[in-house]
Amino acid sequence: RHLLPAALAAALMGAVCIAGVGAAQSGPDAAHGKDLFVASCASCHGAG
């Protein structure tokens, strides 16, 4: 009962690390850039 949660947490942490490595190695994300622009830039440079 005590070991299973620890093993599950380790597996999840491993999955997060792998996902993080994949994200770091991928190229620029235009969709994420759009979200950033709408949130922080559109008020000055216009939504379009």
All heavy atoms as atom14 arrays in JSON, in Angstrom:
{
  "sequence": "RHLLPAALAAALMGAVCIAGVGAAQSGPDAAHGKDLFVASCASCHGAG",
  "atom14_mask": [
    [1, 1, 1, 1, 1, 1, 1, 1, 1, 1, 1, 0, 0, 0],
    [1, 1, 1, 1, 1, 1, 1, 1, 1, 1, 0, 0, 0, 0],
    [1, 1, 1, 1, 1, 1, 1, 1, 0, 0, 0, 0, 0, 0],
    [1, 1, 1, 1, 1, 1, 1, 1, 0, 0, 0, 0, 0, 0],
    [1, 1, 1, 1, 1, 1, 1, 0, 0, 0, 0, 0, 0, 0],
    [1, 1, 1, 1, 1, 0, 0, 0, 0, 0, 0, 0, 0, 0],
    [1, 1, 1, 1, 1, 0, 0, 0, 0, 0, 0, 0, 0, 0],
    [1, 1, 1, 1, 1, 1, 1, 1, 0, 0, 0, 0, 0, 0],
    [1, 1, 1, 1, 1, 0, 0, 0, 0, 0, 0, 0, 0, 0],
    [1, 1, 1, 1, 1, 0, 0, 0, 0, 0, 0, 0, 0, 0],
    [1, 1, 1, 1, 1, 0, 0, 0, 0, 0, 0, 0, 0, 0],
    [1, 1, 1, 1, 1, 1, 1, 1, 0, 0, 0, 0, 0, 0],
    [1, 1, 1, 1, 1, 1, 1, 1, 0, 0, 0, 0, 0, 0],
    [1, 1, 1, 1, 0, 0, 0, 0, 0, 0, 0, 0, 0, 0],
    [1, 1, 1, 1, 1, 0, 0, 0, 0, 0, 0, 0, 0, 0],
    [1, 1, 1, 1, 1, 1, 1, 0, 0, 0, 0, 0, 0, 0],
    [1, 1, 1, 1, 1, 1, 0, 0, 0, 0, 0, 0, 0, 0],
    [1, 1, 1, 1, 1, 1, 1, 1, 0, 0, 0, 0, 0, 0],
    [1, 1, 1, 1, 1, 0, 0, 0, 0, 0, 0, 0, 0, 0],
    [1, 1, 1, 1, 0, 0, 0, 0, 0, 0, 0, 0, 0, 0],
    [1, 1, 1, 1, 1, 1, 1, 0, 0, 0, 0, 0, 0, 0],
    [1, 1, 1, 1, 0, 0, 0, 0, 0, 0, 0, 0, 0, 0],
    [1, 1, 1, 1, 1, 0, 0, 0, 0, 0, 0, 0, 0, 0],
    [1, 1, 1, 1, 1, 0, 0, 0, 0, 0, 0, 0, 0, 0],
    [1, 1, 1, 1, 1, 1, 1, 1, 1, 0, 0, 0, 0, 0],
    [1, 1, 1, 1, 1, 1, 0, 0, 0, 0, 0, 0, 0, 0],
    [1, 1, 1, 1, 0, 0, 0, 0, 0, 0, 0, 0, 0, 0],
    [1, 1, 1, 1, 1, 1, 1, 0, 0, 0, 0, 0, 0, 0],
    [1, 1, 1, 1, 1, 1, 1, 1, 0, 0, 0, 0, 0, 0],
    [1, 1, 1, 1, 1, 0, 0, 0, 0, 0, 0, 0, 0, 0],
    [1, 1, 1, 1, 1, 0, 0, 0, 0, 0, 0, 0, 0, 0],
    [1, 1, 1, 1, 1, 1, 1, 1, 1, 1, 0, 0, 0, 0],
    [1, 1, 1, 1, 0, 0, 0, 0, 0, 0, 0, 0, 0, 0],
    [1, 1, 1, 1, 1, 1, 1, 1, 1, 0, 0, 0, 0, 0],
    [1, 1, 1, 1, 1, 1, 1, 1, 0, 0, 0, 0, 0, 0],
    [1, 1, 1, 1, 1, 1, 1, 1, 0, 0, 0, 0, 0, 0],
    [1, 1, 1, 1, 1, 1, 1, 1, 1, 1, 1, 0, 0, 0],
    [1, 1, 1, 1, 1, 1, 1, 0, 0, 0, 0, 0, 0, 0],
    [1, 1, 1, 1, 1, 0, 0, 0, 0, 0, 0, 0, 0, 0],
    [1, 1, 1, 1, 1, 1, 0, 0, 0, 0, 0, 0, 0, 0],
    [1, 1, 1, 1, 1, 1, 0, 0, 0, 0, 0, 0, 0, 0],
    [1, 1, 1, 1, 1, 0, 0, 0, 0, 0, 0, 0, 0, 0],
    [1, 1, 1, 1, 1, 1, 0, 0, 0, 0, 0, 0, 0, 0],
    [1, 1, 1, 1, 1, 1, 0, 0, 0, 0, 0, 0, 0, 0],
    [1, 1, 1, 1, 1, 1, 1, 1, 1, 1, 0, 0, 0, 0],
    [1, 1, 1, 1, 0, 0, 0, 0, 0, 0, 0, 0, 0, 0],
    [1, 1, 1, 1, 1, 0, 0, 0, 0, 0, 0, 0, 0, 0],
    [1, 1, 1, 1, 0, 0, 0, 0, 0, 0, 0, 0, 0, 0]
  ],
  "atom14_positions": [
    [[0.83, -1.2, 0.0], [0.0, 0.0, 0.0], [0.87, 1.26, 0.0], [0.53, 2.27, -0.58], [-0.92, -0.04, 1.22], [-1.99, 1.07, 1.2], [-2.74, 1.12, 2.51], [-3.16, -0.2, 2.95], [-3.49, -0.46, 4.21], [-3.44, 0.45, 5.13], [-3.88, -1.69, 4.53], [0.0, 0.0, 0.0], [0.0, 0.0, 0.0], [0.0, 0.0, 0.0]],
    [[2.01, 1.23, 0.66], [2.89, 2.4, 0.7], [3.76, 2.5, -0.54], [4.15, 3.59, -0.95], [3.77, 2.34, 1.96], [3.0, 2.57, 3.22], [2.44, 3.78, 3.55], [2.67, 1.72, 4.24], [1.82, 3.69, 4.72], [1.94, 2.43, 5.15], [0.0, 0.0, 0.0], [0.0, 0.0, 0.0], [0.0, 0.0, 0.0], [0.0, 0.0, 0.0]],
    [[4.1, 1.38, -1.14], [5.01, 1.4, -2.28], [4.3, 1.79, -3.57], [4.88, 2.45, -4.44], [5.66, 0.02, -2.45], [6.73, -0.33, -1.42], [7.2, -1.77, -1.62], [7.93, 0.61, -1.55], [0.0, 0.0, 0.0], [0.0, 0.0, 0.0], [0.0, 0.0, 0.0], [0.0, 0.0, 0.0], [0.0, 0.0, 0.0], [0.0, 0.0, 0.0]],
    [[3.05, 1.4, -3.77], [2.35, 1.67, -5.02], [2.22, 3.17, -5.31], [2.5, 3.61, -6.43], [0.98, 1.0, -5.01], [1.01, -0.51, -5.28], [-0.39, -1.12, -5.09], [1.52, -0.78, -6.69], [0.0, 0.0, 0.0], [0.0, 0.0, 0.0], [0.0, 0.0, 0.0], [0.0, 0.0, 0.0], [0.0, 0.0, 0.0], [0.0, 0.0, 0.0]],
    [[1.79, 4.02, -4.33], [1.74, 5.46, -4.63], [3.09, 6.02, -5.01], [3.21, 6.87, -5.89], [1.21, 6.07, -3.33], [0.46, 4.97, -2.67], [1.21, 3.72, -3.02], [0.0, 0.0, 0.0], [0.0, 0.0, 0.0], [0.0, 0.0, 0.0], [0.0, 0.0, 0.0], [0.0, 0.0, 0.0], [0.0, 0.0, 0.0], [0.0, 0.0, 0.0]],
    [[4.16, 5.56, -4.36], [5.49, 6.06, -4.69], [5.89, 5.67, -6.11], [6.47, 6.46, -6.86], [6.51, 5.53, -3.67], [0.0, 0.0, 0.0], [0.0, 0.0, 0.0], [0.0, 0.0, 0.0], [0.0, 0.0, 0.0], [0.0, 0.0, 0.0], [0.0, 0.0, 0.0], [0.0, 0.0, 0.0], [0.0, 0.0, 0.0], [0.0, 0.0, 0.0]],
    [[5.58, 4.42, -6.48], [5.91, 3.97, -7.83], [5.11, 4.74, -8.86], [5.62, 5.12, -9.93], [5.61, 2.46, -7.95], [0.0, 0.0, 0.0], [0.0, 0.0, 0.0], [0.0, 0.0, 0.0], [0.0, 0.0, 0.0], [0.0, 0.0, 0.0], [0.0, 0.0, 0.0], [0.0, 0.0, 0.0], [0.0, 0.0, 0.0], [0.0, 0.0, 0.0]],
    [[3.81, 4.99, -8.57], [2.98, 5.74, -9.5], [3.5, 7.17, -9.66], [3.57, 7.71, -10.77], [1.54, 5.76, -8.99], [0.53, 6.53, -9.85], [0.46, 5.92, -11.24], [-0.85, 6.5, -9.19], [0.0, 0.0, 0.0], [0.0, 0.0, 0.0], [0.0, 0.0, 0.0], [0.0, 0.0, 0.0], [0.0, 0.0, 0.0], [0.0, 0.0, 0.0]],
    [[3.91, 7.79, -8.55], [4.45, 9.16, -8.61], [5.72, 9.19, -9.43], [5.95, 10.1, -10.24], [4.72, 9.68, -7.2], [0.0, 0.0, 0.0], [0.0, 0.0, 0.0], [0.0, 0.0, 0.0], [0.0, 0.0, 0.0], [0.0, 0.0, 0.0], [0.0, 0.0, 0.0], [0.0, 0.0, 0.0], [0.0, 0.0, 0.0], [0.0, 0.0, 0.0]],
    [[6.59, 8.16, -9.25], [7.83, 8.12, -10.03], [7.54, 7.98, -11.51], [8.18, 8.62, -12.36], [8.69, 6.95, -9.53], [0.0, 0.0, 0.0], [0.0, 0.0, 0.0], [0.0, 0.0, 0.0], [0.0, 0.0, 0.0], [0.0, 0.0, 0.0], [0.0, 0.0, 0.0], [0.0, 0.0, 0.0], [0.0, 0.0, 0.0], [0.0, 0.0, 0.0]],
    [[6.55, 7.14, -11.84], [6.2, 6.96, -13.25], [5.67, 8.25, -13.85], [6.0, 8.62, -14.98], [5.15, 5.84, -13.38], [0.0, 0.0, 0.0], [0.0, 0.0, 0.0], [0.0, 0.0, 0.0], [0.0, 0.0, 0.0], [0.0, 0.0, 0.0], [0.0, 0.0, 0.0], [0.0, 0.0, 0.0], [0.0, 0.0, 0.0], [0.0, 0.0, 0.0]],
    [[4.82, 8.98, -13.09], [4.29, 10.25, -13.58], [5.39, 11.28, -13.77], [5.41, 12.02, -14.73], [3.22, 10.78, -12.61], [1.9, 10.0, -12.57], [1.0, 10.54, -11.48], [1.2, 10.1, -13.92], [0.0, 0.0, 0.0], [0.0, 0.0, 0.0], [0.0, 0.0, 0.0], [0.0, 0.0, 0.0], [0.0, 0.0, 0.0], [0.0, 0.0, 0.0]],
    [[6.3, 11.33, -12.8], [7.42, 12.27, -12.93], [8.24, 11.96, -14.16], [8.69, 12.86, -14.89], [8.3, 12.21, -11.67], [7.67, 12.86, -10.44], [7.41, 14.63, -10.67], [9.11, 15.19, -10.76], [0.0, 0.0, 0.0], [0.0, 0.0, 0.0], [0.0, 0.0, 0.0], [0.0, 0.0, 0.0], [0.0, 0.0, 0.0], [0.0, 0.0, 0.0]],
    [[8.44, 10.66, -14.43], [9.18, 10.29, -15.63], [8.47, 10.73, -16.89], [9.07, 11.21, -17.83], [0.0, 0.0, 0.0], [0.0, 0.0, 0.0], [0.0, 0.0, 0.0], [0.0, 0.0, 0.0], [0.0, 0.0, 0.0], [0.0, 0.0, 0.0], [0.0, 0.0, 0.0], [0.0, 0.0, 0.0], [0.0, 0.0, 0.0], [0.0, 0.0, 0.0]],
    [[7.14, 10.59, -16.89], [6.37, 11.01, -18.06], [6.46, 12.51, -18.25], [6.58, 13.01, -19.37], [4.91, 10.58, -17.89], [0.0, 0.0, 0.0], [0.0, 0.0, 0.0], [0.0, 0.0, 0.0], [0.0, 0.0, 0.0], [0.0, 0.0, 0.0], [0.0, 0.0, 0.0], [0.0, 0.0, 0.0], [0.0, 0.0, 0.0], [0.0, 0.0, 0.0]],
    [[6.4, 13.28, -17.15], [6.52, 14.74, -17.24], [7.88, 15.14, -17.78], [8.01, 16.02, -18.62], [6.25, 15.38, -15.85], [6.6, 16.85, -15.88], [4.8, 15.18, -15.46], [0.0, 0.0, 0.0], [0.0, 0.0, 0.0], [0.0, 0.0, 0.0], [0.0, 0.0, 0.0], [0.0, 0.0, 0.0], [0.0, 0.0, 0.0], [0.0, 0.0, 0.0]],
    [[8.93, 14.49, -17.29], [10.28, 14.82, -17.77], [10.41, 14.53, -19.26], [10.98, 15.33, -20.01], [11.31, 14.02, -16.98], [11.47, 14.55, -15.25], [0.0, 0.0, 0.0], [0.0, 0.0, 0.0], [0.0, 0.0, 0.0], [0.0, 0.0, 0.0], [0.0, 0.0, 0.0], [0.0, 0.0, 0.0], [0.0, 0.0, 0.0], [0.0, 0.0, 0.0]],
    [[9.88, 13.4, -19.68], [9.98, 13.05, -21.1], [9.2, 14.06, -21.93], [9.65, 14.52, -22.98], [9.44, 11.62, -21.34], [10.38, 10.61, -20.67], [9.3, 11.34, -22.82], [9.84, 9.19, -20.69], [0.0, 0.0, 0.0], [0.0, 0.0, 0.0], [0.0, 0.0, 0.0], [0.0, 0.0, 0.0], [0.0, 0.0, 0.0], [0.0, 0.0, 0.0]],
    [[7.99, 14.43, -21.45], [7.2, 15.42, -22.18], [7.93, 16.75, -22.23], [7.91, 17.45, -23.23], [5.83, 15.6, -21.51], [0.0, 0.0, 0.0], [0.0, 0.0, 0.0], [0.0, 0.0, 0.0], [0.0, 0.0, 0.0], [0.0, 0.0, 0.0], [0.0, 0.0, 0.0], [0.0, 0.0, 0.0], [0.0, 0.0, 0.0], [0.0, 0.0, 0.0]],
    [[8.6, 17.11, -21.14], [9.33, 18.36, -21.12], [10.46, 18.37, -22.11], [10.7, 19.36, -22.8], [0.0, 0.0, 0.0], [0.0, 0.0, 0.0], [0.0, 0.0, 0.0], [0.0, 0.0, 0.0], [0.0, 0.0, 0.0], [0.0, 0.0, 0.0], [0.0, 0.0, 0.0], [0.0, 0.0, 0.0], [0.0, 0.0, 0.0], [0.0, 0.0, 0.0]],
    [[11.17, 17.24, -22.21], [12.27, 17.15, -23.17], [11.73, 17.29, -24.58], [12.28, 18.01, -25.41], [13.03, 15.82, -22.99], [14.01, 15.61, -24.13], [13.75, 15.82, -21.65], [0.0, 0.0, 0.0], [0.0, 0.0, 0.0], [0.0, 0.0, 0.0], [0.0, 0.0, 0.0], [0.0, 0.0, 0.0], [0.0, 0.0, 0.0], [0.0, 0.0, 0.0]],
    [[10.61, 16.63, -24.87], [10.03, 16.72, -26.2], [9.64, 18.14, -26.53], [9.84, 18.62, -27.64], [0.0, 0.0, 0.0], [0.0, 0.0, 0.0], [0.0, 0.0, 0.0], [0.0, 0.0, 0.0], [0.0, 0.0, 0.0], [0.0, 0.0, 0.0], [0.0, 0.0, 0.0], [0.0, 0.0, 0.0], [0.0, 0.0, 0.0], [0.0, 0.0, 0.0]],
    [[9.06, 18.87, -25.55], [8.65, 20.24, -25.8], [9.84, 21.13, -26.06], [9.8, 22.02, -26.89], [7.83, 20.76, -24.62], [0.0, 0.0, 0.0], [0.0, 0.0, 0.0], [0.0, 0.0, 0.0], [0.0, 0.0, 0.0], [0.0, 0.0, 0.0], [0.0, 0.0, 0.0], [0.0, 0.0, 0.0], [0.0, 0.0, 0.0], [0.0, 0.0, 0.0]],
    [[10.92, 20.88, -25.32], [12.11, 21.72, -25.49], [12.75, 21.52, -26.84], [13.35, 22.42, -27.4], [13.12, 21.42, -24.37], [0.0, 0.0, 0.0], [0.0, 0.0, 0.0], [0.0, 0.0, 0.0], [0.0, 0.0, 0.0], [0.0, 0.0, 0.0], [0.0, 0.0, 0.0], [0.0, 0.0, 0.0], [0.0, 0.0, 0.0], [0.0, 0.0, 0.0]],
    [[12.61, 20.3, -27.36], [13.27, 20.0, -28.63], [12.42, 20.41, -29.83], [12.92, 20.47, -30.93], [13.57, 18.5, -28.7], [14.64, 18.05, -27.7], [14.84, 16.55, -27.74], [14.03, 15.82, -28.31], [15.91, 16.08, -27.12], [0.0, 0.0, 0.0], [0.0, 0.0, 0.0], [0.0, 0.0, 0.0], [0.0, 0.0, 0.0], [0.0, 0.0, 0.0]],
    [[11.1, 20.66, -29.6], [10.26, 21.02, -30.73], [10.5, 22.47, -31.12], [11.07, 23.25, -30.36], [8.79, 20.8, -30.37], [8.43, 21.62, -29.27], [0.0, 0.0, 0.0], [0.0, 0.0, 0.0], [0.0, 0.0, 0.0], [0.0, 0.0, 0.0], [0.0, 0.0, 0.0], [0.0, 0.0, 0.0], [0.0, 0.0, 0.0], [0.0, 0.0, 0.0]],
    [[10.02, 22.86, -32.32], [10.21, 24.21, -32.8], [9.21, 25.18, -32.19], [8.41, 24.82, -31.33], [0.0, 0.0, 0.0], [0.0, 0.0, 0.0], [0.0, 0.0, 0.0], [0.0, 0.0, 0.0], [0.0, 0.0, 0.0], [0.0, 0.0, 0.0], [0.0, 0.0, 0.0], [0.0, 0.0, 0.0], [0.0, 0.0, 0.0], [0.0, 0.0, 0.0]],
    [[9.25, 26.44, -32.65], [8.33, 27.45, -32.14], [6.87, 27.05, -32.37], [6.52, 26.42, -33.35], [8.69, 28.7, -32.97], [10.1, 28.47, -33.41], [10.22, 26.99, -33.6], [0.0, 0.0, 0.0], [0.0, 0.0, 0.0], [0.0, 0.0, 0.0], [0.0, 0.0, 0.0], [0.0, 0.0, 0.0], [0.0, 0.0, 0.0], [0.0, 0.0, 0.0]],
    [[6.03, 27.42, -31.41], [4.62, 27.06, -31.43], [3.8, 28.31, -31.76], [3.6, 29.17, -30.9], [4.23, 26.48, -30.07], [2.79, 25.98, -30.03], [2.05, 26.21, -31.01], [2.41, 25.35, -29.03], [0.0, 0.0, 0.0], [0.0, 0.0, 0.0], [0.0, 0.0, 0.0], [0.0, 0.0, 0.0], [0.0, 0.0, 0.0], [0.0, 0.0, 0.0]],
    [[3.32, 28.4, -33.0], [2.56, 29.58, -33.42], [1.24, 29.68, -32.65], [0.77, 30.79, -32.37], [2.29, 29.53, -34.92], [0.0, 0.0, 0.0], [0.0, 0.0, 0.0], [0.0, 0.0, 0.0], [0.0, 0.0, 0.0], [0.0, 0.0, 0.0], [0.0, 0.0, 0.0], [0.0, 0.0, 0.0], [0.0, 0.0, 0.0], [0.0, 0.0, 0.0]],
    [[0.62, 28.55, -32.32], [-0.65, 28.58, -31.58], [-0.43, 29.19, -30.2], [-1.23, 30.0, -29.72], [-1.23, 27.17, -31.47], [0.0, 0.0, 0.0], [0.0, 0.0, 0.0], [0.0, 0.0, 0.0], [0.0, 0.0, 0.0], [0.0, 0.0, 0.0], [0.0, 0.0, 0.0], [0.0, 0.0, 0.0], [0.0, 0.0, 0.0], [0.0, 0.0, 0.0]],
    [[0.66, 28.78, -29.53], [0.98, 29.36, -28.23], [1.33, 30.84, -28.38], [0.98, 31.67, -27.54], [2.14, 28.6, -27.59], [2.55, 29.14, -26.25], [3.82, 29.58, -25.97], [1.82, 29.34, -25.13], [3.87, 30.01, -24.73], [2.67, 29.87, -24.19], [0.0, 0.0, 0.0], [0.0, 0.0, 0.0], [0.0, 0.0, 0.0], [0.0, 0.0, 0.0]],
    [[2.01, 31.16, -29.49], [2.33, 32.56, -29.74], [1.08, 33.4, -29.89], [1.04, 34.55, -29.44], [0.0, 0.0, 0.0], [0.0, 0.0, 0.0], [0.0, 0.0, 0.0], [0.0, 0.0, 0.0], [0.0, 0.0, 0.0], [0.0, 0.0, 0.0], [0.0, 0.0, 0.0], [0.0, 0.0, 0.0], [0.0, 0.0, 0.0], [0.0, 0.0, 0.0]],
    [[0.04, 32.85, -30.51], [-1.22, 33.58, -30.66], [-1.84, 33.86, -29.3], [-2.33, 34.97, -29.03], [-2.19, 32.79, -31.54], [-3.53, 33.47, -31.71], [-4.47, 32.66, -32.59], [-5.81, 33.37, -32.77], [-6.73, 32.6, -33.63], [0.0, 0.0, 0.0], [0.0, 0.0, 0.0], [0.0, 0.0, 0.0], [0.0, 0.0, 0.0], [0.0, 0.0, 0.0]],
    [[-1.82, 32.85, -28.41], [-2.37, 33.04, -27.07], [-1.61, 34.14, -26.33], [-2.21, 34.99, -25.65], [-2.31, 31.74, -26.28], [-3.22, 30.66, -26.86], [-4.17, 31.03, -27.58], [-2.97, 29.47, -26.6], [0.0, 0.0, 0.0], [0.0, 0.0, 0.0], [0.0, 0.0, 0.0], [0.0, 0.0, 0.0], [0.0, 0.0, 0.0], [0.0, 0.0, 0.0]],
    [[-0.27, 34.12, -26.45], [0.54, 35.16, -25.8], [0.22, 36.54, -26.37], [0.11, 37.52, -25.63], [2.03, 34.85, -25.99], [2.58, 33.62, -25.28], [4.01, 33.36, -25.71], [2.52, 33.81, -23.76], [0.0, 0.0, 0.0], [0.0, 0.0, 0.0], [0.0, 0.0, 0.0], [0.0, 0.0, 0.0], [0.0, 0.0, 0.0], [0.0, 0.0, 0.0]],
    [[0.06, 36.59, -27.7], [-0.2, 37.87, -28.35], [-1.54, 38.44, -27.89], [-1.64, 39.62, -27.56], [-0.2, 37.7, -29.87], [-0.38, 38.98, -30.63], [0.72, 39.75, -30.97], [-1.64, 39.43, -31.0], [0.57, 40.94, -31.65], [-1.81, 40.61, -31.69], [-0.69, 41.37, -32.01], [0.0, 0.0, 0.0], [0.0, 0.0, 0.0], [0.0, 0.0, 0.0]],
    [[-2.58, 37.61, -27.88], [-3.91, 38.07, -27.47], [-3.88, 38.56, -26.03], [-4.49, 39.58, -25.68], [-4.94, 36.94, -27.65], [-6.28, 37.32, -27.03], [-5.12, 36.62, -29.12], [0.0, 0.0, 0.0], [0.0, 0.0, 0.0], [0.0, 0.0, 0.0], [0.0, 0.0, 0.0], [0.0, 0.0, 0.0], [0.0, 0.0, 0.0], [0.0, 0.0, 0.0]],
    [[-3.13, 37.86, -25.18], [-3.11, 38.2, -23.76], [-2.28, 39.44, -23.46], [-2.63, 40.23, -22.58], [-2.57, 37.01, -22.96], [0.0, 0.0, 0.0], [0.0, 0.0, 0.0], [0.0, 0.0, 0.0], [0.0, 0.0, 0.0], [0.0, 0.0, 0.0], [0.0, 0.0, 0.0], [0.0, 0.0, 0.0], [0.0, 0.0, 0.0], [0.0, 0.0, 0.0]],
    [[-1.17, 39.64, -24.18], [-0.23, 40.69, -23.78], [0.08, 41.73, -24.83], [0.61, 42.79, -24.48], [1.1, 40.02, -23.36], [0.9, 39.05, -22.35], [0.0, 0.0, 0.0], [0.0, 0.0, 0.0], [0.0, 0.0, 0.0], [0.0, 0.0, 0.0], [0.0, 0.0, 0.0], [0.0, 0.0, 0.0], [0.0, 0.0, 0.0], [0.0, 0.0, 0.0]],
    [[-0.22, 41.48, -26.1], [0.24, 42.39, -27.17], [-0.89, 43.05, -27.94], [-0.71, 44.14, -28.5], [1.13, 41.63, -28.17], [2.43, 40.65, -27.41], [0.0, 0.0, 0.0], [0.0, 0.0, 0.0], [0.0, 0.0, 0.0], [0.0, 0.0, 0.0], [0.0, 0.0, 0.0], [0.0, 0.0, 0.0], [0.0, 0.0, 0.0], [0.0, 0.0, 0.0]],
    [[-2.05, 42.4, -28.0], [-3.13, 42.9, -28.85], [-3.65, 44.25, -28.4], [-4.14, 45.04, -29.22], [-4.28, 41.88, -28.88], [0.0, 0.0, 0.0], [0.0, 0.0, 0.0], [0.0, 0.0, 0.0], [0.0, 0.0, 0.0], [0.0, 0.0, 0.0], [0.0, 0.0, 0.0], [0.0, 0.0, 0.0], [0.0, 0.0, 0.0], [0.0, 0.0, 0.0]],
    [[-3.54, 44.57, -27.11], [-4.05, 45.85, -26.62], [-3.3, 47.02, -27.23], [-3.85, 48.12, -27.35], [-3.95, 45.91, -25.09], [-2.6, 45.73, -24.67], [0.0, 0.0, 0.0], [0.0, 0.0, 0.0], [0.0, 0.0, 0.0], [0.0, 0.0, 0.0], [0.0, 0.0, 0.0], [0.0, 0.0, 0.0], [0.0, 0.0, 0.0], [0.0, 0.0, 0.0]],
    [[-2.06, 46.81, -27.64], [-1.28, 47.88, -28.28], [-1.26, 47.73, -29.8], [-1.39, 48.71, -30.53], [0.15, 47.88, -27.75], [0.32, 48.44, -26.04], [0.0, 0.0, 0.0], [0.0, 0.0, 0.0], [0.0, 0.0, 0.0], [0.0, 0.0, 0.0], [0.0, 0.0, 0.0], [0.0, 0.0, 0.0], [0.0, 0.0, 0.0], [0.0, 0.0, 0.0]],
    [[-1.05, 46.49, -30.29], [-0.83, 46.28, -31.72], [-2.08, 45.84, -32.48], [-2.01, 45.59, -33.68], [0.27, 45.23, -31.92], [1.61, 45.68, -31.44], [2.42, 46.53, -32.17], [2.29, 45.41, -30.29], [3.54, 46.75, -31.49], [3.48, 46.09, -30.35], [0.0, 0.0, 0.0], [0.0, 0.0, 0.0], [0.0, 0.0, 0.0], [0.0, 0.0, 0.0]],
    [[-3.22, 45.74, -31.79], [-4.46, 45.37, -32.46], [-4.64, 43.87, -32.54], [-3.66, 43.13, -32.74], [0.0, 0.0, 0.0], [0.0, 0.0, 0.0], [0.0, 0.0, 0.0], [0.0, 0.0, 0.0], [0.0, 0.0, 0.0], [0.0, 0.0, 0.0], [0.0, 0.0, 0.0], [0.0, 0.0, 0.0], [0.0, 0.0, 0.0], [0.0, 0.0, 0.0]],
    [[-5.88, 43.42, -32.4], [-6.14, 41.98, -32.38], [-5.77, 41.31, -33.7], [-5.39, 40.16, -33.74], [-7.62, 41.72, -32.06], [0.0, 0.0, 0.0], [0.0, 0.0, 0.0], [0.0, 0.0, 0.0], [0.0, 0.0, 0.0], [0.0, 0.0, 0.0], [0.0, 0.0, 0.0], [0.0, 0.0, 0.0], [0.0, 0.0, 0.0], [0.0, 0.0, 0.0]],
    [[-5.85, 42.04, -34.81], [-5.54, 41.46, -36.11], [-4.18, 41.89, -36.65], [-3.99, 41.9, -37.87], [0.0, 0.0, 0.0], [0.0, 0.0, 0.0], [0.0, 0.0, 0.0], [0.0, 0.0, 0.0], [0.0, 0.0, 0.0], [0.0, 0.0, 0.0], [0.0, 0.0, 0.0], [0.0, 0.0, 0.0], [0.0, 0.0, 0.0], [0.0, 0.0, 0.0]]
  ]
}
